[in-house]
Full PDB file with SEQRES, HELIX, SHEET, SSBOND, CRYST1, ORIGX, SCALE, CONECT and MASTER records, all heavy atoms in Angstrom:
SEQRES   1 A   31  ALA VAL THR GLU GLU LYS LEU GLY ASN SER CYS ASP SER          
SEQRES   2 A   31  THR PRO GLU GLU ASP GLU ALA LEU ILE PHE GLY ARG ASN          
SEQRES   3 A   31  ALA ASP TRP ALA GLU                                          
HELIX    1 AA1 PRO A   15  ASP A   18  1                                   4    
HELIX    2 AA2 GLU A   19  PHE A   23  3                                   5    
HELIX    3 AA3 GLY A   24  ALA A   30  1                                   7    
CRYST1    1.000    1.000    1.000  90.00  90.00  90.00 P 1           1          
ORIGX1      1.000000  0.000000  0.000000        0.00000                         
ORIGX2      0.000000  1.000000  0.000000        0.00000                         
ORIGX3      0.000000  0.000000  1.000000        0.00000                         
SCALE1      1.000000  0.000000  0.000000        0.00000                         
SCALE2      0.000000  1.000000  0.000000        0.00000                         
SCALE3      0.000000  0.000000  1.000000        0.00000                         
ATOM      1  N   ALA A   1       0.826  -1.202   0.000  1.00  0.00           N  
ATOM      2  CA  ALA A   1       0.000   0.000   0.000  1.00  0.00           C  
ATOM      3  C   ALA A   1       0.863   1.256   0.000  1.00  0.00           C  
ATOM      4  O   ALA A   1       0.538   2.245  -0.668  1.00  0.00           O  
ATOM      5  CB  ALA A   1      -0.933  -0.001   1.211  1.00  0.00           C  
ATOM      6  N   VAL A   2       1.977   1.218   0.746  1.00  0.00           N  
ATOM      7  CA  VAL A   2       2.871   2.381   0.781  1.00  0.00           C  
ATOM      8  C   VAL A   2       3.574   2.569  -0.555  1.00  0.00           C  
ATOM      9  O   VAL A   2       3.616   3.673  -1.106  1.00  0.00           O  
ATOM     10  CB  VAL A   2       3.910   2.223   1.909  1.00  0.00           C  
ATOM     11  CG1 VAL A   2       4.890   3.397   1.899  1.00  0.00           C  
ATOM     12  CG2 VAL A   2       3.223   2.140   3.268  1.00  0.00           C  
ATOM     13  N   THR A   3       4.132   1.487  -1.094  1.00  0.00           N  
ATOM     14  CA  THR A   3       4.902   1.615  -2.323  1.00  0.00           C  
ATOM     15  C   THR A   3       4.051   1.971  -3.537  1.00  0.00           C  
ATOM     16  O   THR A   3       4.555   2.513  -4.518  1.00  0.00           O  
ATOM     17  CB  THR A   3       5.670   0.318  -2.625  1.00  0.00           C  
ATOM     18  OG1 THR A   3       4.750  -0.771  -2.752  1.00  0.00           O  
ATOM     19  CG2 THR A   3       6.663   0.012  -1.504  1.00  0.00           C  
ATOM     20  N   GLU A   4       2.760   1.661  -3.478  1.00  0.00           N  
ATOM     21  CA  GLU A   4       1.891   1.965  -4.603  1.00  0.00           C  
ATOM     22  C   GLU A   4       1.366   3.396  -4.587  1.00  0.00           C  
ATOM     23  O   GLU A   4       0.714   3.824  -5.541  1.00  0.00           O  
ATOM     24  CB  GLU A   4       0.712   0.979  -4.644  1.00  0.00           C  
ATOM     25  CG  GLU A   4       1.092  -0.381  -5.182  1.00  0.00           C  
ATOM     26  CD  GLU A   4       1.623  -0.301  -6.606  1.00  0.00           C  
ATOM     27  OE1 GLU A   4       0.845   0.034  -7.516  1.00  0.00           O  
ATOM     28  OE2 GLU A   4       2.826  -0.555  -6.797  1.00  0.00           O  
ATOM     29  N   GLU A   5       1.621   4.142  -3.535  1.00  0.00           N  
ATOM     30  CA  GLU A   5       1.202   5.537  -3.519  1.00  0.00           C  
ATOM     31  C   GLU A   5       1.928   6.304  -4.611  1.00  0.00           C  
ATOM     32  O   GLU A   5       3.120   6.120  -4.833  1.00  0.00           O  
ATOM     33  CB  GLU A   5       1.503   6.169  -2.160  1.00  0.00           C  
ATOM     34  CG  GLU A   5       0.584   5.726  -1.053  1.00  0.00           C  
ATOM     35  CD  GLU A   5       0.718   6.605   0.178  1.00  0.00           C  
ATOM     36  OE1 GLU A   5       1.038   7.802   0.019  1.00  0.00           O  
ATOM     37  OE2 GLU A   5       0.516   6.094   1.284  1.00  0.00           O  
ATOM     38  N   LYS A   6       1.207   7.184  -5.278  1.00  0.00           N  
ATOM     39  CA  LYS A   6       1.796   7.976  -6.355  1.00  0.00           C  
ATOM     40  C   LYS A   6       1.432   9.444  -6.176  1.00  0.00           C  
ATOM     41  O   LYS A   6       0.374   9.776  -5.644  1.00  0.00           O  
ATOM     42  CB  LYS A   6       1.319   7.481  -7.721  1.00  0.00           C  
ATOM     43  CG  LYS A   6       1.826   6.092  -8.084  1.00  0.00           C  
ATOM     44  CD  LYS A   6       1.387   5.713  -9.485  1.00  0.00           C  
ATOM     45  CE  LYS A   6       1.890   4.324  -9.863  1.00  0.00           C  
ATOM     46  NZ  LYS A   6       3.357   4.271  -9.973  1.00  0.00           N  
ATOM     47  N   LEU A   7       2.318  10.297  -6.636  1.00  0.00           N  
ATOM     48  CA  LEU A   7       2.048  11.732  -6.611  1.00  0.00           C  
ATOM     49  C   LEU A   7       1.269  12.175  -7.848  1.00  0.00           C  
ATOM     50  O   LEU A   7       0.709  13.261  -7.882  1.00  0.00           O  
ATOM     51  CB  LEU A   7       3.370  12.502  -6.516  1.00  0.00           C  
ATOM     52  CG  LEU A   7       4.088  12.388  -5.173  1.00  0.00           C  
ATOM     53  CD1 LEU A   7       5.501  12.947  -5.283  1.00  0.00           C  
ATOM     54  CD2 LEU A   7       3.315  13.126  -4.091  1.00  0.00           C  
ATOM     55  N   GLY A   8       1.261  11.331  -8.876  1.00  0.00           N  
ATOM     56  CA  GLY A   8       0.508  11.664 -10.078  1.00  0.00           C  
ATOM     57  C   GLY A   8       1.191  12.678 -10.967  1.00  0.00           C  
ATOM     58  O   GLY A   8       0.530  13.389 -11.730  1.00  0.00           O  
ATOM     59  N   ASN A   9       2.516  12.746 -10.875  1.00  0.00           N  
ATOM     60  CA  ASN A   9       3.258  13.669 -11.729  1.00  0.00           C  
ATOM     61  C   ASN A   9       4.585  13.040 -12.141  1.00  0.00           C  
ATOM     62  O   ASN A   9       4.788  11.837 -11.976  1.00  0.00           O  
ATOM     63  CB  ASN A   9       3.475  15.013 -11.015  1.00  0.00           C  
ATOM     64  CG  ASN A   9       4.159  14.853  -9.666  1.00  0.00           C  
ATOM     65  OD1 ASN A   9       4.960  13.948  -9.461  1.00  0.00           O  
ATOM     66  ND2 ASN A   9       3.838  15.737  -8.724  1.00  0.00           N  
ATOM     67  N   SER A  10       5.493  13.837 -12.662  1.00  0.00           N  
ATOM     68  CA  SER A  10       6.750  13.311 -13.176  1.00  0.00           C  
ATOM     69  C   SER A  10       7.676  12.791 -12.091  1.00  0.00           C  
ATOM     70  O   SER A  10       8.722  12.206 -12.389  1.00  0.00           O  
ATOM     71  CB  SER A  10       7.478  14.388 -13.989  1.00  0.00           C  
ATOM     72  OG  SER A  10       7.780  15.509 -13.169  1.00  0.00           O  
ATOM     73  N   CYS A  11       7.313  12.985 -10.830  1.00  0.00           N  
ATOM     74  CA  CYS A  11       8.104  12.409  -9.744  1.00  0.00           C  
ATOM     75  C   CYS A  11       7.952  10.886  -9.688  1.00  0.00           C  
ATOM     76  O   CYS A  11       8.823  10.197  -9.157  1.00  0.00           O  
ATOM     77  CB  CYS A  11       7.702  13.021  -8.405  1.00  0.00           C  
ATOM     78  SG  CYS A  11       8.081  14.783  -8.237  1.00  0.00           S  
ATOM     79  N   ASP A  12       6.845  10.367 -10.198  1.00  0.00           N  
ATOM     80  CA  ASP A  12       6.635   8.922 -10.197  1.00  0.00           C  
ATOM     81  C   ASP A  12       7.560   8.252 -11.205  1.00  0.00           C  
ATOM     82  O   ASP A  12       7.904   8.837 -12.242  1.00  0.00           O  
ATOM     83  CB  ASP A  12       5.182   8.597 -10.551  1.00  0.00           C  
ATOM     84  CG  ASP A  12       4.196   9.150  -9.542  1.00  0.00           C  
ATOM     85  OD1 ASP A  12       4.542   9.208  -8.347  1.00  0.00           O  
ATOM     86  OD2 ASP A  12       3.080   9.532  -9.956  1.00  0.00           O  
ATOM     87  N   SER A  13       7.960   7.029 -10.920  1.00  0.00           N  
ATOM     88  CA  SER A  13       8.807   6.283 -11.849  1.00  0.00           C  
ATOM     89  C   SER A  13       8.034   5.980 -13.129  1.00  0.00           C  
ATOM     90  O   SER A  13       6.818   5.787 -13.122  1.00  0.00           O  
ATOM     91  CB  SER A  13       9.285   4.988 -11.216  1.00  0.00           C  
ATOM     92  OG  SER A  13       8.185   4.181 -10.846  1.00  0.00           O  
ATOM     93  N   THR A  14       8.758   5.917 -14.228  1.00  0.00           N  
ATOM     94  CA  THR A  14       8.166   5.578 -15.513  1.00  0.00           C  
ATOM     95  C   THR A  14       8.142   4.059 -15.679  1.00  0.00           C  
ATOM     96  O   THR A  14       8.873   3.337 -14.983  1.00  0.00           O  
ATOM     97  CB  THR A  14       8.982   6.188 -16.657  1.00  0.00           C  
ATOM     98  OG1 THR A  14      10.284   5.557 -16.680  1.00  0.00           O  
ATOM     99  CG2 THR A  14       9.151   7.695 -16.474  1.00  0.00           C  
ATOM    100  N   PRO A  15       7.345   3.535 -16.613  1.00  0.00           N  
ATOM    101  CA  PRO A  15       7.373   2.091 -16.872  1.00  0.00           C  
ATOM    102  C   PRO A  15       8.771   1.604 -17.246  1.00  0.00           C  
ATOM    103  O   PRO A  15       9.171   0.498 -16.868  1.00  0.00           O  
ATOM    104  CB  PRO A  15       6.390   1.926 -18.035  1.00  0.00           C  
ATOM    105  CG  PRO A  15       5.431   3.070 -17.872  1.00  0.00           C  
ATOM    106  CD  PRO A  15       6.263   4.205 -17.362  1.00  0.00           C  
ATOM    107  N   GLU A  16       9.502   2.419 -17.980  1.00  0.00           N  
ATOM    108  CA  GLU A  16      10.857   2.040 -18.369  1.00  0.00           C  
ATOM    109  C   GLU A  16      11.775   1.938 -17.145  1.00  0.00           C  
ATOM    110  O   GLU A  16      12.623   1.038 -17.053  1.00  0.00           O  
ATOM    111  CB  GLU A  16      11.421   3.045 -19.370  1.00  0.00           C  
ATOM    112  CG  GLU A  16      10.746   3.068 -20.724  1.00  0.00           C  
ATOM    113  CD  GLU A  16       9.404   3.792 -20.713  1.00  0.00           C  
ATOM    114  OE1 GLU A  16       9.111   4.524 -19.735  1.00  0.00           O  
ATOM    115  OE2 GLU A  16       8.637   3.629 -21.690  1.00  0.00           O  
ATOM    116  N   GLU A  17      11.612   2.849 -16.199  1.00  0.00           N  
ATOM    117  CA  GLU A  17      12.415   2.804 -14.977  1.00  0.00           C  
ATOM    118  C   GLU A  17      12.059   1.590 -14.127  1.00  0.00           C  
ATOM    119  O   GLU A  17      12.939   0.938 -13.551  1.00  0.00           O  
ATOM    120  CB  GLU A  17      12.243   4.107 -14.196  1.00  0.00           C  
ATOM    121  CG  GLU A  17      12.924   5.292 -14.869  1.00  0.00           C  
ATOM    122  CD  GLU A  17      12.473   6.637 -14.323  1.00  0.00           C  
ATOM    123  OE1 GLU A  17      11.440   6.702 -13.639  1.00  0.00           O  
ATOM    124  OE2 GLU A  17      13.172   7.645 -14.616  1.00  0.00           O  
ATOM    125  N   ASP A  18      10.760   1.281 -14.042  1.00  0.00           N  
ATOM    126  CA  ASP A  18      10.347   0.084 -13.306  1.00  0.00           C  
ATOM    127  C   ASP A  18      10.929  -1.179 -13.944  1.00  0.00           C  
ATOM    128  O   ASP A  18      11.326  -2.117 -13.255  1.00  0.00           O  
ATOM    129  CB  ASP A  18       8.819  -0.022 -13.281  1.00  0.00           C  
ATOM    130  CG  ASP A  18       8.192   1.005 -12.351  1.00  0.00           C  
ATOM    131  OD1 ASP A  18       8.892   1.511 -11.456  1.00  0.00           O  
ATOM    132  OD2 ASP A  18       6.993   1.303 -12.528  1.00  0.00           O  
ATOM    133  N   GLU A  19      10.964  -1.192 -15.275  1.00  0.00           N  
ATOM    134  CA  GLU A  19      11.513  -2.344 -15.987  1.00  0.00           C  
ATOM    135  C   GLU A  19      12.988  -2.524 -15.649  1.00  0.00           C  
ATOM    136  O   GLU A  19      13.450  -3.645 -15.388  1.00  0.00           O  
ATOM    137  CB  GLU A  19      11.344  -2.157 -17.497  1.00  0.00           C  
ATOM    138  CG  GLU A  19      11.633  -3.391 -18.322  1.00  0.00           C  
ATOM    139  CD  GLU A  19      10.602  -4.488 -18.138  1.00  0.00           C  
ATOM    140  OE1 GLU A  19       9.433  -4.189 -17.851  1.00  0.00           O  
ATOM    141  OE2 GLU A  19      10.981  -5.678 -18.289  1.00  0.00           O  
ATOM    142  N   ALA A  20      13.733  -1.433 -15.647  1.00  0.00           N  
ATOM    143  CA  ALA A  20      15.168  -1.509 -15.382  1.00  0.00           C  
ATOM    144  C   ALA A  20      15.464  -1.868 -13.927  1.00  0.00           C  
ATOM    145  O   ALA A  20      16.388  -2.634 -13.636  1.00  0.00           O  
ATOM    146  CB  ALA A  20      15.831  -0.183 -15.748  1.00  0.00           C  
ATOM    147  N   LEU A  21      14.669  -1.332 -13.020  1.00  0.00           N  
ATOM    148  CA  LEU A  21      14.946  -1.513 -11.594  1.00  0.00           C  
ATOM    149  C   LEU A  21      14.391  -2.806 -11.021  1.00  0.00           C  
ATOM    150  O   LEU A  21      14.993  -3.403 -10.128  1.00  0.00           O  
ATOM    151  CB  LEU A  21      14.365  -0.333 -10.801  1.00  0.00           C  
ATOM    152  CG  LEU A  21      15.085   1.005 -10.961  1.00  0.00           C  
ATOM    153  CD1 LEU A  21      14.198   2.142 -10.487  1.00  0.00           C  
ATOM    154  CD2 LEU A  21      16.395   0.996 -10.199  1.00  0.00           C  
ATOM    155  N   ILE A  22      13.240  -3.239 -11.532  1.00  0.00           N  
ATOM    156  CA  ILE A  22      12.556  -4.382 -10.923  1.00  0.00           C  
ATOM    157  C   ILE A  22      12.344  -5.527 -11.924  1.00  0.00           C  
ATOM    158  O   ILE A  22      12.959  -6.581 -11.820  1.00  0.00           O  
ATOM    159  CB  ILE A  22      11.190  -3.960 -10.339  1.00  0.00           C  
ATOM    160  CG1 ILE A  22      11.366  -2.977  -9.185  1.00  0.00           C  
ATOM    161  CG2 ILE A  22      10.428  -5.186  -9.844  1.00  0.00           C  
ATOM    162  CD1 ILE A  22      11.934  -3.575  -7.929  1.00  0.00           C  
ATOM    163  N   PHE A  23      11.482  -5.310 -12.893  1.00  0.00           N  
ATOM    164  CA  PHE A  23      10.955  -6.438 -13.656  1.00  0.00           C  
ATOM    165  C   PHE A  23      11.988  -7.115 -14.558  1.00  0.00           C  
ATOM    166  O   PHE A  23      12.005  -8.349 -14.677  1.00  0.00           O  
ATOM    167  CB  PHE A  23       9.739  -5.998 -14.467  1.00  0.00           C  
ATOM    168  CG  PHE A  23       8.638  -5.426 -13.618  1.00  0.00           C  
ATOM    169  CD1 PHE A  23       8.171  -4.137 -13.829  1.00  0.00           C  
ATOM    170  CD2 PHE A  23       8.096  -6.161 -12.587  1.00  0.00           C  
ATOM    171  CE1 PHE A  23       7.173  -3.599 -13.031  1.00  0.00           C  
ATOM    172  CE2 PHE A  23       7.093  -5.637 -11.776  1.00  0.00           C  
ATOM    173  CZ  PHE A  23       6.633  -4.349 -12.004  1.00  0.00           C  
ATOM    174  N   GLY A  24      12.837  -6.343 -15.205  1.00  0.00           N  
ATOM    175  CA  GLY A  24      13.865  -6.945 -16.043  1.00  0.00           C  
ATOM    176  C   GLY A  24      14.842  -7.774 -15.232  1.00  0.00           C  
ATOM    177  O   GLY A  24      15.273  -8.854 -15.661  1.00  0.00           O  
ATOM    178  N   ARG A  25      15.172  -7.290 -14.044  1.00  0.00           N  
ATOM    179  CA  ARG A  25      16.084  -8.025 -13.168  1.00  0.00           C  
ATOM    180  C   ARG A  25      15.413  -9.294 -12.639  1.00  0.00           C  
ATOM    181  O   ARG A  25      16.056 -10.341 -12.524  1.00  0.00           O  
ATOM    182  CB  ARG A  25      16.545  -7.123 -12.031  1.00  0.00           C  
ATOM    183  CG  ARG A  25      17.341  -5.924 -12.522  1.00  0.00           C  
ATOM    184  CD  ARG A  25      17.522  -4.899 -11.431  1.00  0.00           C  
ATOM    185  NE  ARG A  25      18.511  -5.329 -10.448  1.00  0.00           N  
ATOM    186  CZ  ARG A  25      18.597  -4.836  -9.222  1.00  0.00           C  
ATOM    187  NH1 ARG A  25      17.728  -3.904  -8.809  1.00  0.00           N  
ATOM    188  NH2 ARG A  25      19.537  -5.248  -8.393  1.00  0.00           N  
ATOM    189  N   ASN A  26      14.115  -9.210 -12.313  1.00  0.00           N  
ATOM    190  CA  ASN A  26      13.385 -10.403 -11.881  1.00  0.00           C  
ATOM    191  C   ASN A  26      13.496 -11.513 -12.929  1.00  0.00           C  
ATOM    192  O   ASN A  26      13.767 -12.674 -12.607  1.00  0.00           O  
ATOM    193  CB  ASN A  26      11.906 -10.083 -11.667  1.00  0.00           C  
ATOM    194  CG  ASN A  26      11.656  -9.165 -10.495  1.00  0.00           C  
ATOM    195  OD1 ASN A  26      12.560  -8.843  -9.735  1.00  0.00           O  
ATOM    196  ND2 ASN A  26      10.415  -8.737 -10.346  1.00  0.00           N  
ATOM    197  N   ALA A  27      13.247 -11.154 -14.185  1.00  0.00           N  
ATOM    198  CA  ALA A  27      13.282 -12.143 -15.266  1.00  0.00           C  
ATOM    199  C   ALA A  27      14.679 -12.724 -15.424  1.00  0.00           C  
ATOM    200  O   ALA A  27      14.844 -13.929 -15.640  1.00  0.00           O  
ATOM    201  CB  ALA A  27      12.815 -11.498 -16.568  1.00  0.00           C  
ATOM    202  N   ASP A  28      15.685 -11.883 -15.308  1.00  0.00           N  
ATOM    203  CA  ASP A  28      17.068 -12.344 -15.444  1.00  0.00           C  
ATOM    204  C   ASP A  28      17.422 -13.327 -14.331  1.00  0.00           C  
ATOM    205  O   ASP A  28      18.012 -14.383 -14.575  1.00  0.00           O  
ATOM    206  CB  ASP A  28      18.013 -11.141 -15.413  1.00  0.00           C  
ATOM    207  CG  ASP A  28      19.474 -11.545 -15.515  1.00  0.00           C  
ATOM    208  OD1 ASP A  28      19.860 -12.122 -16.545  1.00  0.00           O  
ATOM    209  OD2 ASP A  28      20.230 -11.283 -14.557  1.00  0.00           O  
ATOM    210  N   TRP A  29      17.041 -13.002 -13.102  1.00  0.00           N  
ATOM    211  CA  TRP A  29      17.356 -13.886 -11.980  1.00  0.00           C  
ATOM    212  C   TRP A  29      16.617 -15.206 -12.104  1.00  0.00           C  
ATOM    213  O   TRP A  29      17.179 -16.267 -11.825  1.00  0.00           O  
ATOM    214  CB  TRP A  29      17.001 -13.205 -10.664  1.00  0.00           C  
ATOM    215  CG  TRP A  29      17.750 -11.942 -10.403  1.00  0.00           C  
ATOM    216  CD1 TRP A  29      18.834 -11.466 -11.081  1.00  0.00           C  
ATOM    217  CD2 TRP A  29      17.461 -10.979  -9.394  1.00  0.00           C  
ATOM    218  NE1 TRP A  29      19.235 -10.263 -10.552  1.00  0.00           N  
ATOM    219  CE2 TRP A  29      18.412  -9.940  -9.522  1.00  0.00           C  
ATOM    220  CE3 TRP A  29      16.491 -10.882  -8.401  1.00  0.00           C  
ATOM    221  CZ2 TRP A  29      18.423  -8.823  -8.684  1.00  0.00           C  
ATOM    222  CZ3 TRP A  29      16.499  -9.775  -7.563  1.00  0.00           C  
ATOM    223  CH2 TRP A  29      17.461  -8.763  -7.706  1.00  0.00           C  
ATOM    224  N   ALA A  30      15.338 -15.142 -12.499  1.00  0.00           N  
ATOM    225  CA  ALA A  30      14.549 -16.364 -12.628  1.00  0.00           C  
ATOM    226  C   ALA A  30      15.128 -17.289 -13.694  1.00  0.00           C  
ATOM    227  O   ALA A  30      15.012 -18.514 -13.594  1.00  0.00           O  
ATOM    228  CB  ALA A  30      13.097 -16.023 -12.958  1.00  0.00           C  
ATOM    229  N   GLU A  31      15.758 -16.724 -14.703  1.00  0.00           N  
ATOM    230  CA  GLU A  31      16.412 -17.541 -15.722  1.00  0.00           C  
ATOM    231  C   GLU A  31      17.692 -18.190 -15.192  1.00  0.00           C  
ATOM    232  O   GLU A  31      18.065 -19.284 -15.609  1.00  0.00           O  
ATOM    233  CB  GLU A  31      16.748 -16.678 -16.946  1.00  0.00           C  
ATOM    234  CG  GLU A  31      15.543 -16.281 -17.777  1.00  0.00           C  
ATOM    235  CD  GLU A  31      15.921 -15.446 -18.982  1.00  0.00           C  
ATOM    236  OE1 GLU A  31      17.145 -15.260 -19.224  1.00  0.00           O  
ATOM    237  OE2 GLU A  31      15.017 -14.972 -19.691  1.00  0.00           O  
TER     238      GLU A  31                                                      
MASTER        0    0    0    3    0    0    0    6  237    1    0    3          
END                                                                             
């Protein structure tokens, strides 16, 4: 609930940033 809070502006991470920081690394580790 805390991490999903957003300010609704450019301060929020972009999908590309989320991919680089979280999801792309998840896929790499799982492989």
